[in-house]
Amino acid sequence: MPNAPKTVGPISPAKAESLPFEQALQKLESIVEAMESEELPLEALLAKYEEGTMLAKACQEKLAEAELKLQQLEKNSAGEMKLKTLATPQEP
């Protein structure tokens, strides 16, 4: 993608979680491409793997949040969508 922002250096867990979903996914895709190129030394490959796992986790969390919001939507009597409150599961 020509206008995609480039990030320099590895991403910290906090930064991975703060990235918008689309940017995190784009960065994850570029990491996969770099790893598949078979041109990385072992140390760089391990660093890319670690960064990729952080990004994958952040993406999964963002998708889970979006899924929960979609589950909370319901139509009211006028046919308008509104957010309903779901009870959160309690941990034992």
C-alpha atoms as a PDB file:
ATOM      1  CA  MET A   1       0.000   0.000   0.000  1.00  0.00           C
ATOM      2  CA  PRO A   2       1.627   3.227  -1.124  1.00  0.00           C
ATOM      3  CA  ASN A   3       0.488   5.570   1.664  1.00  0.00           C
ATOM      4  CA  ALA A   4       0.783   3.094   4.506  1.00  0.00           C
ATOM      5  CA  PRO A   5       2.557   4.469   7.572  1.00  0.00           C
ATOM      6  CA  LYS A   6       5.826   2.742   8.338  1.00  0.00           C
ATOM      7  CA  THR A   7       6.816   1.940  11.889  1.00  0.00           C
ATOM      8  CA  VAL A   8      10.448   1.641  12.778  1.00  0.00           C
ATOM      9  CA  GLY A   9      11.664  -0.934  15.262  1.00  0.00           C
ATOM     10  CA  PRO A  10       9.761  -3.487  17.277  1.00  0.00           C
ATOM     11  CA  ILE A  11       6.383  -2.711  18.787  1.00  0.00           C
ATOM     12  CA  SER A  12       5.843  -2.870  22.539  1.00  0.00           C
ATOM     13  CA  PRO A  13       2.747  -4.643  23.933  1.00  0.00           C
ATOM     14  CA  ALA A  14       1.246  -1.288  24.986  1.00  0.00           C
ATOM     15  CA  LYS A  15       1.785   0.203  21.545  1.00  0.00           C
ATOM     16  CA  ALA A  16       0.330  -2.892  19.858  1.00  0.00           C
ATOM     17  CA  GLU A  17      -2.837  -2.541  21.938  1.00  0.00           C
ATOM     18  CA  SER A  18      -3.129   1.183  21.173  1.00  0.00           C
ATOM     19  CA  LEU A  19      -2.852   0.783  17.398  1.00  0.00           C
ATOM     20  CA  PRO A  20      -6.097   0.906  15.430  1.00  0.00           C
ATOM     21  CA  PHE A  21      -7.147  -2.558  14.236  1.00  0.00           C
ATOM     22  CA  GLU A  22      -6.387  -1.830  10.588  1.00  0.00           C
ATOM     23  CA  GLN A  23      -2.841  -0.602  11.323  1.00  0.00           C
ATOM     24  CA  ALA A  24      -2.119  -3.544  13.609  1.00  0.00           C
ATOM     25  CA  LEU A  25      -3.352  -5.972  10.954  1.00  0.00           C
ATOM     26  CA  GLN A  26      -1.303  -4.238   8.254  1.00  0.00           C
ATOM     27  CA  LYS A  27       1.829  -4.407  10.414  1.00  0.00           C
ATOM     28  CA  LEU A  28       1.131  -8.080  11.151  1.00  0.00           C
ATOM     29  CA  GLU A  29       0.814  -8.793   7.423  1.00  0.00           C
ATOM     30  CA  SER A  30       4.147  -7.085   6.725  1.00  0.00           C
ATOM     31  CA  ILE A  31       5.787  -9.159   9.472  1.00  0.00           C
ATOM     32  CA  VAL A  32       4.429 -12.371   7.948  1.00  0.00           C
ATOM     33  CA  GLU A  33       5.753 -11.337   4.525  1.00  0.00           C
ATOM     34  CA  ALA A  34       9.183 -10.575   5.987  1.00  0.00           C
ATOM     35  CA  MET A  35       9.254 -13.914   7.818  1.00  0.00           C
ATOM     36  CA  GLU A  36       8.225 -15.799   4.688  1.00  0.00           C
ATOM     37  CA  SER A  37      11.016 -14.179   2.655  1.00  0.00           C
ATOM     38  CA  GLU A  38      13.531 -16.530   4.313  1.00  0.00           C
ATOM     39  CA  GLU A  39      16.119 -13.733   4.279  1.00  0.00           C
ATOM     40  CA  LEU A  40      16.067 -12.946   8.003  1.00  0.00           C
ATOM     41  CA  PRO A  41      18.731 -14.157  10.409  1.00  0.00           C
ATOM     42  CA  LEU A  42      17.481 -16.234  13.336  1.00  0.00           C
ATOM     43  CA  GLU A  43      17.614 -13.360  15.852  1.00  0.00           C
ATOM     44  CA  ALA A  44      15.560 -11.074  13.592  1.00  0.00           C
ATOM     45  CA  LEU A  45      13.140 -13.902  12.874  1.00  0.00           C
ATOM     46  CA  LEU A  46      12.559 -14.447  16.588  1.00  0.00           C
ATOM     47  CA  ALA A  47      12.043 -10.716  17.166  1.00  0.00           C
ATOM     48  CA  LYS A  48       9.525 -10.577  14.306  1.00  0.00           C
ATOM     49  CA  TYR A  49       7.732 -13.634  15.725  1.00  0.00           C
ATOM     50  CA  GLU A  50       7.453 -11.992  19.145  1.00  0.00           C
ATOM     51  CA  GLU A  51       6.195  -8.743  17.636  1.00  0.00           C
ATOM     52  CA  GLY A  52       3.727 -10.672  15.483  1.00  0.00           C
ATOM     53  CA  THR A  53       2.289 -12.543  18.455  1.00  0.00           C
ATOM     54  CA  MET A  54       1.716  -9.244  20.293  1.00  0.00           C
ATOM     55  CA  LEU A  55      -0.033  -7.779  17.256  1.00  0.00           C
ATOM     56  CA  ALA A  56      -2.118 -10.919  16.736  1.00  0.00           C
ATOM     57  CA  LYS A  57      -3.244 -10.815  20.372  1.00  0.00           C
ATOM     58  CA  ALA A  58      -4.146  -7.127  20.086  1.00  0.00           C
ATOM     59  CA  CYS A  59      -6.141  -7.819  16.896  1.00  0.00           C
ATOM     60  CA  GLN A  60      -7.981 -10.726  18.535  1.00  0.00           C
ATOM     61  CA  GLU A  61      -8.900  -8.543  21.520  1.00  0.00           C
ATOM     62  CA  LYS A  62     -10.195  -5.765  19.259  1.00  0.00           C
ATOM     63  CA  LEU A  63     -12.278  -8.266  17.273  1.00  0.00           C
ATOM     64  CA  ALA A  64     -13.710  -9.725  20.500  1.00  0.00           C
ATOM     65  CA  GLU A  65     -14.682  -6.223  21.662  1.00  0.00           C
ATOM     66  CA  ALA A  66     -16.374  -5.520  18.319  1.00  0.00           C
ATOM     67  CA  GLU A  67     -18.224  -8.840  18.466  1.00  0.00           C
ATOM     68  CA  LEU A  68     -19.493  -8.046  21.956  1.00  0.00           C
ATOM     69  CA  LYS A  69     -20.759  -4.648  20.810  1.00  0.00           C
ATOM     70  CA  LEU A  70     -22.561  -6.274  17.882  1.00  0.00           C
ATOM     71  CA  GLN A  71     -24.182  -8.774  20.232  1.00  0.00           C
ATOM     72  CA  GLN A  72     -25.402  -5.900  22.388  1.00  0.00           C
ATOM     73  CA  LEU A  73     -27.243  -4.180  19.529  1.00  0.00           C
ATOM     74  CA  GLU A  74     -30.983  -4.678  19.400  1.00  0.00           C
ATOM     75  CA  LYS A  75     -33.872  -3.040  17.603  1.00  0.00           C
ATOM     76  CA  ASN A  76     -36.371  -1.063  19.616  1.00  0.00           C
ATOM     77  CA  SER A  77     -40.078  -0.848  18.778  1.00  0.00           C
ATOM     78  CA  ALA A  78     -39.459   1.987  16.283  1.00  0.00           C
ATOM     79  CA  GLY A  79     -36.980  -0.197  14.366  1.00  0.00           C
ATOM     80  CA  GLU A  80     -33.961   1.813  15.513  1.00  0.00           C
ATOM     81  CA  MET A  81     -30.818   0.060  16.638  1.00  0.00           C
ATOM     82  CA  LYS A  82     -29.788   0.672  20.215  1.00  0.00           C
ATOM     83  CA  LEU A  83     -27.175  -0.724  22.541  1.00  0.00           C
ATOM     84  CA  LYS A  84     -28.422  -3.009  25.287  1.00  0.00           C
ATOM     85  CA  THR A  85     -26.502  -3.795  28.437  1.00  0.00           C
ATOM     86  CA  LEU A  86     -25.389  -7.387  28.791  1.00  0.00           C
ATOM     87  CA  ALA A  87     -24.536  -8.924  32.117  1.00  0.00           C
ATOM     88  CA  THR A  88     -20.837  -9.670  32.266  1.00  0.00           C
ATOM     89  CA  PRO A  89     -19.936 -13.181  33.367  1.00  0.00           C
ATOM     90  CA  GLN A  90     -18.704 -13.280  36.949  1.00  0.00           C
ATOM     91  CA  GLU A  91     -15.498 -15.105  37.757  1.00  0.00           C
ATOM     92  CA  PRO A  92     -15.676 -17.645  40.597  1.00  0.00           C
END
